[in-house]
Amino acid sequence: MALPKGKMSKARGRKRRTHQKVEVPHLSTCPQCSEAKLPHRVCPNCGYYKGRAVIKTEEI
Protein backbone atom coordinates (compact mmCIF):
# COMPACT_ATOMS: atom_id res chain seq x y z
CA MET A 1 0.00 0.00 0.00
CA ALA A 2 1.20 3.50 -0.80
CA LEU A 3 2.20 5.81 2.02
CA PRO A 4 2.57 9.58 1.88
CA LYS A 5 6.18 10.80 1.59
CA GLY A 6 5.60 13.86 3.75
CA LYS A 7 3.04 15.67 5.85
CA MET A 8 0.17 17.15 3.92
CA SER A 9 -0.61 20.68 5.02
CA LYS A 10 -4.09 21.64 6.23
CA ALA A 11 -4.50 24.07 3.35
CA ARG A 12 -3.72 21.43 0.73
CA GLY A 13 -6.26 18.98 2.15
CA ARG A 14 -8.90 21.68 2.48
CA LYS A 15 -8.35 22.83 -1.11
CA ARG A 16 -9.20 19.33 -2.29
CA ARG A 17 -12.39 19.26 -0.21
CA THR A 18 -13.78 22.60 -1.46
CA HIS A 19 -15.97 20.79 -4.00
CA GLN A 20 -17.51 18.39 -1.46
CA LYS A 21 -20.40 20.55 -0.35
CA VAL A 22 -24.15 20.16 -0.22
CA GLU A 23 -26.02 22.20 -2.80
CA VAL A 24 -29.66 23.20 -2.94
CA PRO A 25 -31.39 21.18 -5.69
CA HIS A 26 -32.41 23.16 -8.76
CA LEU A 27 -36.19 23.24 -9.04
CA SER A 28 -38.47 24.04 -11.95
CA THR A 29 -42.21 24.63 -12.00
CA CYS A 30 -44.65 22.07 -13.32
CA PRO A 31 -46.59 23.46 -16.32
CA GLN A 32 -49.74 21.56 -15.27
CA CYS A 33 -50.07 22.41 -11.57
CA SER A 34 -47.36 25.10 -11.08
CA GLU A 35 -45.78 23.19 -8.19
CA ALA A 36 -42.01 23.00 -7.72
CA LYS A 37 -40.44 19.81 -9.06
CA LEU A 38 -37.02 18.48 -10.05
CA PRO A 39 -36.29 19.00 -13.75
CA HIS A 40 -36.64 16.02 -16.14
CA ARG A 41 -38.76 14.09 -13.64
CA VAL A 42 -42.44 13.31 -13.18
CA CYS A 43 -44.26 15.85 -11.02
CA PRO A 44 -44.97 14.20 -7.66
CA ASN A 45 -48.05 16.39 -7.19
CA CYS A 46 -50.01 15.78 -10.41
CA GLY A 47 -48.12 12.87 -12.06
CA TYR A 48 -47.56 14.61 -15.40
CA TYR A 49 -44.37 14.66 -17.48
CA LYS A 50 -44.04 16.59 -20.75
CA GLY A 51 -47.79 17.25 -20.93
CA ARG A 52 -49.03 13.70 -20.48
CA ALA A 53 -50.16 11.71 -17.44
CA VAL A 54 -47.48 9.18 -16.51
CA ILE A 55 -48.60 8.06 -13.04
CA LYS A 56 -51.98 8.20 -11.39
CA THR A 57 -52.20 10.32 -8.26
CA GLU A 58 -54.99 10.19 -5.73
CA GLU A 59 -56.98 13.34 -5.06
CA ILE A 60 -57.18 14.25 -1.40
PDB file of N, CA and C in Angstrom:
ATOM      1  N   MET A   1       0.825  -1.180   0.000  1.00  0.00           N
ATOM      2  CA  MET A   1       0.000   0.000   0.000  1.00  0.00           C
ATOM      3  C   MET A   1       0.869   1.244   0.000  1.00  0.00           C
ATOM      4  N   ALA A   2       0.422   2.272  -0.706  1.00  0.00           N
ATOM      5  CA  ALA A   2       1.203   3.495  -0.802  1.00  0.00           C
ATOM      6  C   ALA A   2       1.080   4.311   0.474  1.00  0.00           C
ATOM      7  N   LEU A   3       2.168   4.941   0.842  1.00  0.00           N
ATOM      8  CA  LEU A   3       2.202   5.807   2.020  1.00  0.00           C
ATOM      9  C   LEU A   3       2.645   7.197   1.591  1.00  0.00           C
ATOM     10  N   PRO A   4       2.132   8.230   2.249  1.00  0.00           N
ATOM     11  CA  PRO A   4       2.565   9.580   1.883  1.00  0.00           C
ATOM     12  C   PRO A   4       4.030   9.816   2.234  1.00  0.00           C
ATOM     13  N   LYS A   5       4.749  10.519   1.363  1.00  0.00           N
ATOM     14  CA  LYS A   5       6.179  10.800   1.588  1.00  0.00           C
ATOM     15  C   LYS A   5       6.366  11.852   2.675  1.00  0.00           C
ATOM     16  N   GLY A   6       5.459  12.798   2.755  1.00  0.00           N
ATOM     17  CA  GLY A   6       5.597  13.862   3.754  1.00  0.00           C
ATOM     18  C   GLY A   6       4.249  14.278   4.294  1.00  0.00           C
ATOM     19  N   LYS A   7       4.278  15.197   5.241  1.00  0.00           N
ATOM     20  CA  LYS A   7       3.035  15.672   5.851  1.00  0.00           C
ATOM     21  C   LYS A   7       2.279  16.544   4.853  1.00  0.00           C
ATOM     22  N   MET A   8       1.002  16.325   4.759  1.00  0.00           N
ATOM     23  CA  MET A   8       0.171  17.153   3.915  1.00  0.00           C
ATOM     24  C   MET A   8      -0.357  18.312   4.756  1.00  0.00           C
ATOM     25  N   SER A   9      -0.189  19.510   4.255  1.00  0.00           N
ATOM     26  CA  SER A   9      -0.612  20.684   5.021  1.00  0.00           C
ATOM     27  C   SER A   9      -2.140  20.749   5.090  1.00  0.00           C
ATOM     28  N   LYS A  10      -2.641  21.491   6.070  1.00  0.00           N
ATOM     29  CA  LYS A  10      -4.094  21.644   6.227  1.00  0.00           C
ATOM     30  C   LYS A  10      -4.686  22.340   5.020  1.00  0.00           C
ATOM     31  N   ALA A  11      -3.981  23.319   4.493  1.00  0.00           N
ATOM     32  CA  ALA A  11      -4.499  24.070   3.345  1.00  0.00           C
ATOM     33  C   ALA A  11      -4.640  23.179   2.120  1.00  0.00           C
ATOM     34  N   ARG A  12      -3.676  22.298   1.912  1.00  0.00           N
ATOM     35  CA  ARG A  12      -3.722  21.434   0.733  1.00  0.00           C
ATOM     36  C   ARG A  12      -4.897  20.462   0.811  1.00  0.00           C
ATOM     37  N   GLY A  13      -5.121  19.885   1.985  1.00  0.00           N
ATOM     38  CA  GLY A  13      -6.256  18.979   2.150  1.00  0.00           C
ATOM     39  C   GLY A  13      -7.583  19.691   2.028  1.00  0.00           C
ATOM     40  N   ARG A  14      -7.643  20.910   2.540  1.00  0.00           N
ATOM     41  CA  ARG A  14      -8.896  21.678   2.480  1.00  0.00           C
ATOM     42  C   ARG A  14      -9.185  22.172   1.073  1.00  0.00           C
ATOM     43  N   LYS A  15      -8.160  22.439   0.290  1.00  0.00           N
ATOM     44  CA  LYS A  15      -8.353  22.830  -1.109  1.00  0.00           C
ATOM     45  C   LYS A  15      -9.019  21.710  -1.892  1.00  0.00           C
ATOM     46  N   ARG A  16      -8.633  20.478  -1.600  1.00  0.00           N
ATOM     47  CA  ARG A  16      -9.202  19.332  -2.291  1.00  0.00           C
ATOM     48  C   ARG A  16     -10.662  19.135  -1.914  1.00  0.00           C
ATOM     49  N   ARG A  17     -11.020  19.488  -0.698  1.00  0.00           N
ATOM     50  CA  ARG A  17     -12.389  19.262  -0.211  1.00  0.00           C
ATOM     51  C   ARG A  17     -13.343  20.419  -0.517  1.00  0.00           C
ATOM     52  N   THR A  18     -12.908  21.454  -1.211  1.00  0.00           N
ATOM     53  CA  THR A  18     -13.781  22.603  -1.460  1.00  0.00           C
ATOM     54  C   THR A  18     -14.991  22.230  -2.311  1.00  0.00           C
ATOM     55  N   HIS A  19     -14.879  21.174  -3.112  1.00  0.00           N
ATOM     56  CA  HIS A  19     -15.973  20.789  -3.996  1.00  0.00           C
ATOM     57  C   HIS A  19     -16.937  19.810  -3.337  1.00  0.00           C
ATOM     58  N   GLN A  20     -16.644  19.352  -2.141  1.00  0.00           N
ATOM     59  CA  GLN A  20     -17.512  18.392  -1.457  1.00  0.00           C
ATOM     60  C   GLN A  20     -18.472  19.140  -0.549  1.00  0.00           C
ATOM     61  N   LYS A  21     -19.446  19.785  -1.145  1.00  0.00           N
ATOM     62  CA  LYS A  21     -20.400  20.545  -0.355  1.00  0.00           C
ATOM     63  C   LYS A  21     -21.822  20.208  -0.802  1.00  0.00           C
ATOM     64  N   VAL A  22     -22.754  20.426   0.069  1.00  0.00           N
ATOM     65  CA  VAL A  22     -24.153  20.157  -0.224  1.00  0.00           C
ATOM     66  C   VAL A  22     -24.732  21.364  -0.937  1.00  0.00           C
ATOM     67  N   GLU A  23     -25.394  21.124  -2.045  1.00  0.00           N
ATOM     68  CA  GLU A  23     -26.017  22.205  -2.801  1.00  0.00           C
ATOM     69  C   GLU A  23     -27.533  22.071  -2.758  1.00  0.00           C
ATOM     70  N   VAL A  24     -28.210  23.192  -2.878  1.00  0.00           N
ATOM     71  CA  VAL A  24     -29.664  23.204  -2.944  1.00  0.00           C
ATOM     72  C   VAL A  24     -30.067  22.659  -4.314  1.00  0.00           C
ATOM     73  N   PRO A  25     -31.006  21.718  -4.385  1.00  0.00           N
ATOM     74  CA  PRO A  25     -31.390  21.180  -5.693  1.00  0.00           C
ATOM     75  C   PRO A  25     -32.077  22.248  -6.545  1.00  0.00           C
ATOM     76  N   HIS A  26     -31.787  22.224  -7.837  1.00  0.00           N
ATOM     77  CA  HIS A  26     -32.409  23.163  -8.760  1.00  0.00           C
ATOM     78  C   HIS A  26     -33.840  22.692  -9.026  1.00  0.00           C
ATOM     79  N   LEU A  27     -34.792  23.585  -8.863  1.00  0.00           N
ATOM     80  CA  LEU A  27     -36.193  23.235  -9.038  1.00  0.00           C
ATOM     81  C   LEU A  27     -36.777  23.993 -10.220  1.00  0.00           C
ATOM     82  N   SER A  28     -37.717  23.375 -10.895  1.00  0.00           N
ATOM     83  CA  SER A  28     -38.472  24.035 -11.949  1.00  0.00           C
ATOM     84  C   SER A  28     -39.949  23.907 -11.610  1.00  0.00           C
ATOM     85  N   THR A  29     -40.777  24.676 -12.277  1.00  0.00           N
ATOM     86  CA  THR A  29     -42.214  24.632 -12.000  1.00  0.00           C
ATOM     87  C   THR A  29     -42.891  23.689 -12.985  1.00  0.00           C
ATOM     88  N   CYS A  30     -43.865  22.973 -12.490  1.00  0.00           N
ATOM     89  CA  CYS A  30     -44.650  22.066 -13.324  1.00  0.00           C
ATOM     90  C   CYS A  30     -45.613  22.904 -14.180  1.00  0.00           C
ATOM     91  N   PRO A  31     -45.663  22.676 -15.489  1.00  0.00           N
ATOM     92  CA  PRO A  31     -46.589  23.460 -16.324  1.00  0.00           C
ATOM     93  C   PRO A  31     -48.055  23.122 -16.086  1.00  0.00           C
ATOM     94  N   GLN A  32     -48.348  21.959 -15.510  1.00  0.00           N
ATOM     95  CA  GLN A  32     -49.736  21.562 -15.274  1.00  0.00           C
ATOM     96  C   GLN A  32     -50.287  22.173 -13.980  1.00  0.00           C
ATOM     97  N   CYS A  33     -49.538  22.002 -12.874  1.00  0.00           N
ATOM     98  CA  CYS A  33     -50.074  22.406 -11.574  1.00  0.00           C
ATOM     99  C   CYS A  33     -49.279  23.539 -10.922  1.00  0.00           C
ATOM    100  N   SER A  34     -48.205  23.996 -11.557  1.00  0.00           N
ATOM    101  CA  SER A  34     -47.365  25.101 -11.080  1.00  0.00           C
ATOM    102  C   SER A  34     -46.685  24.820  -9.748  1.00  0.00           C
ATOM    103  N   GLU A  35     -46.514  23.553  -9.406  1.00  0.00           N
ATOM    104  CA  GLU A  35     -45.783  23.186  -8.188  1.00  0.00           C
ATOM    105  C   GLU A  35     -44.296  23.048  -8.528  1.00  0.00           C
ATOM    106  N   ALA A  36     -43.449  23.172  -7.520  1.00  0.00           N
ATOM    107  CA  ALA A  36     -42.013  22.998  -7.718  1.00  0.00           C
ATOM    108  C   ALA A  36     -41.694  21.515  -7.862  1.00  0.00           C
ATOM    109  N   LYS A  37     -40.835  21.194  -8.832  1.00  0.00           N
ATOM    110  CA  LYS A  37     -40.436  19.807  -9.062  1.00  0.00           C
ATOM    111  C   LYS A  37     -39.011  19.796  -9.575  1.00  0.00           C
ATOM    112  N   LEU A  38     -38.363  18.625  -9.489  1.00  0.00           N
ATOM    113  CA  LEU A  38     -37.024  18.476 -10.048  1.00  0.00           C
ATOM    114  C   LEU A  38     -37.135  18.410 -11.569  1.00  0.00           C
ATOM    115  N   PRO A  39     -36.207  19.036 -12.291  1.00  0.00           N
ATOM    116  CA  PRO A  39     -36.291  18.996 -13.752  1.00  0.00           C
ATOM    117  C   PRO A  39     -36.083  17.588 -14.314  1.00  0.00           C
ATOM    118  N   HIS A  40     -36.719  17.305 -15.425  1.00  0.00           N
ATOM    119  CA  HIS A  40     -36.636  16.025 -16.142  1.00  0.00           C
ATOM    120  C   HIS A  40     -37.172  14.863 -15.304  1.00  0.00           C
ATOM    121  N   ARG A  41     -38.143  15.136 -14.454  1.00  0.00           N
ATOM    122  CA  ARG A  41     -38.757  14.091 -13.635  1.00  0.00           C
ATOM    123  C   ARG A  41     -40.262  14.301 -13.595  1.00  0.00           C
ATOM    124  N   VAL A  42     -40.990  13.238 -13.290  1.00  0.00           N
ATOM    125  CA  VAL A  42     -42.442  13.307 -13.179  1.00  0.00           C
ATOM    126  C   VAL A  42     -42.800  14.170 -11.983  1.00  0.00           C
ATOM    127  N   CYS A  43     -43.805  14.994 -12.123  1.00  0.00           N
ATOM    128  CA  CYS A  43     -44.260  15.846 -11.025  1.00  0.00           C
ATOM    129  C   CYS A  43     -44.888  14.965  -9.946  1.00  0.00           C
ATOM    130  N   PRO A  44     -44.390  15.039  -8.709  1.00  0.00           N
ATOM    131  CA  PRO A  44     -44.970  14.199  -7.660  1.00  0.00           C
ATOM    132  C   PRO A  44     -46.364  14.647  -7.248  1.00  0.00           C
ATOM    133  N   ASN A  45     -46.740  15.872  -7.585  1.00  0.00           N
ATOM    134  CA  ASN A  45     -48.045  16.392  -7.186  1.00  0.00           C
ATOM    135  C   ASN A  45     -49.153  15.934  -8.141  1.00  0.00           C
ATOM    136  N   CYS A  46     -48.946  16.104  -9.451  1.00  0.00           N
ATOM    137  CA  CYS A  46     -50.011  15.780 -10.406  1.00  0.00           C
ATOM    138  C   CYS A  46     -49.717  14.539 -11.247  1.00  0.00           C
ATOM    139  N   GLY A  47     -48.467  14.085 -11.320  1.00  0.00           N
ATOM    140  CA  GLY A  47     -48.124  12.875 -12.060  1.00  0.00           C
ATOM    141  C   GLY A  47     -47.910  13.088 -13.544  1.00  0.00           C
ATOM    142  N   TYR A  48     -47.742  14.325 -13.986  1.00  0.00           N
ATOM    143  CA  TYR A  48     -47.559  14.614 -15.401  1.00  0.00           C
ATOM    144  C   TYR A  48     -46.087  14.797 -15.725  1.00  0.00           C
ATOM    145  N   TYR A  49     -45.710  14.415 -16.963  1.00  0.00           N
ATOM    146  CA  TYR A  49     -44.369  14.659 -17.477  1.00  0.00           C
ATOM    147  C   TYR A  49     -44.492  14.974 -18.957  1.00  0.00           C
ATOM    148  N   LYS A  50     -43.985  16.115 -19.371  1.00  0.00           N
ATOM    149  CA  LYS A  50     -44.041  16.594 -20.753  1.00  0.00           C
ATOM    150  C   LYS A  50     -45.471  16.614 -21.298  1.00  0.00           C
ATOM    151  N   GLY A  51     -46.414  17.060 -20.479  1.00  0.00           N
ATOM    152  CA  GLY A  51     -47.787  17.254 -20.930  1.00  0.00           C
ATOM    153  C   GLY A  51     -48.656  16.021 -20.950  1.00  0.00           C
ATOM    154  N   ARG A  52     -48.172  14.888 -20.499  1.00  0.00           N
ATOM    155  CA  ARG A  52     -49.025  13.701 -20.478  1.00  0.00           C
ATOM    156  C   ARG A  52     -48.966  13.029 -19.107  1.00  0.00           C
ATOM    157  N   ALA A  53     -50.063  12.369 -18.740  1.00  0.00           N
ATOM    158  CA  ALA A  53     -50.156  11.708 -17.440  1.00  0.00           C
ATOM    159  C   ALA A  53     -49.315  10.435 -17.472  1.00  0.00           C
ATOM    160  N   VAL A  54     -48.372  10.331 -16.555  1.00  0.00           N
ATOM    161  CA  VAL A  54     -47.482   9.178 -16.510  1.00  0.00           C
ATOM    162  C   VAL A  54     -47.866   8.270 -15.357  1.00  0.00           C
ATOM    163  N   ILE A  55     -48.170   8.850 -14.197  1.00  0.00           N
ATOM    164  CA  ILE A  55     -48.603   8.059 -13.044  1.00  0.00           C
ATOM    165  C   ILE A  55     -49.912   8.624 -12.537  1.00  0.00           C
ATOM    166  N   LYS A  56     -50.710   7.762 -11.963  1.00  0.00           N
ATOM    167  CA  LYS A  56     -51.975   8.198 -11.386  1.00  0.00           C
ATOM    168  C   LYS A  56     -51.737   8.656  -9.958  1.00  0.00           C
ATOM    169  N   THR A  57     -52.290   9.810  -9.620  1.00  0.00           N
ATOM    170  CA  THR A  57     -52.200  10.322  -8.264  1.00  0.00           C
ATOM    171  C   THR A  57     -53.604  10.397  -7.684  1.00  0.00           C
ATOM    172  N   GLU A  58     -53.692  10.159  -6.389  1.00  0.00           N
ATOM    173  CA  GLU A  58     -54.989  10.193  -5.729  1.00  0.00           C
ATOM    174  C   GLU A  58     -55.309  11.605  -5.283  1.00  0.00           C
ATOM    175  N   GLU A  59     -56.520  12.022  -5.514  1.00  0.00           N
ATOM    176  CA  GLU A  59     -56.985  13.343  -5.063  1.00  0.00           C
ATOM    177  C   GLU A  59     -57.322  13.264  -3.582  1.00  0.00           C
ATOM    178  N   ILE A  60     -56.905  14.257  -2.852  1.00  0.00           N
ATOM    179  CA  ILE A  60     -57.176  14.254  -1.400  1.00  0.00           C
ATOM    180  C   ILE A  60     -58.482  14.933  -1.119  1.00  0.00           C
TER     181      ILE A  60
END
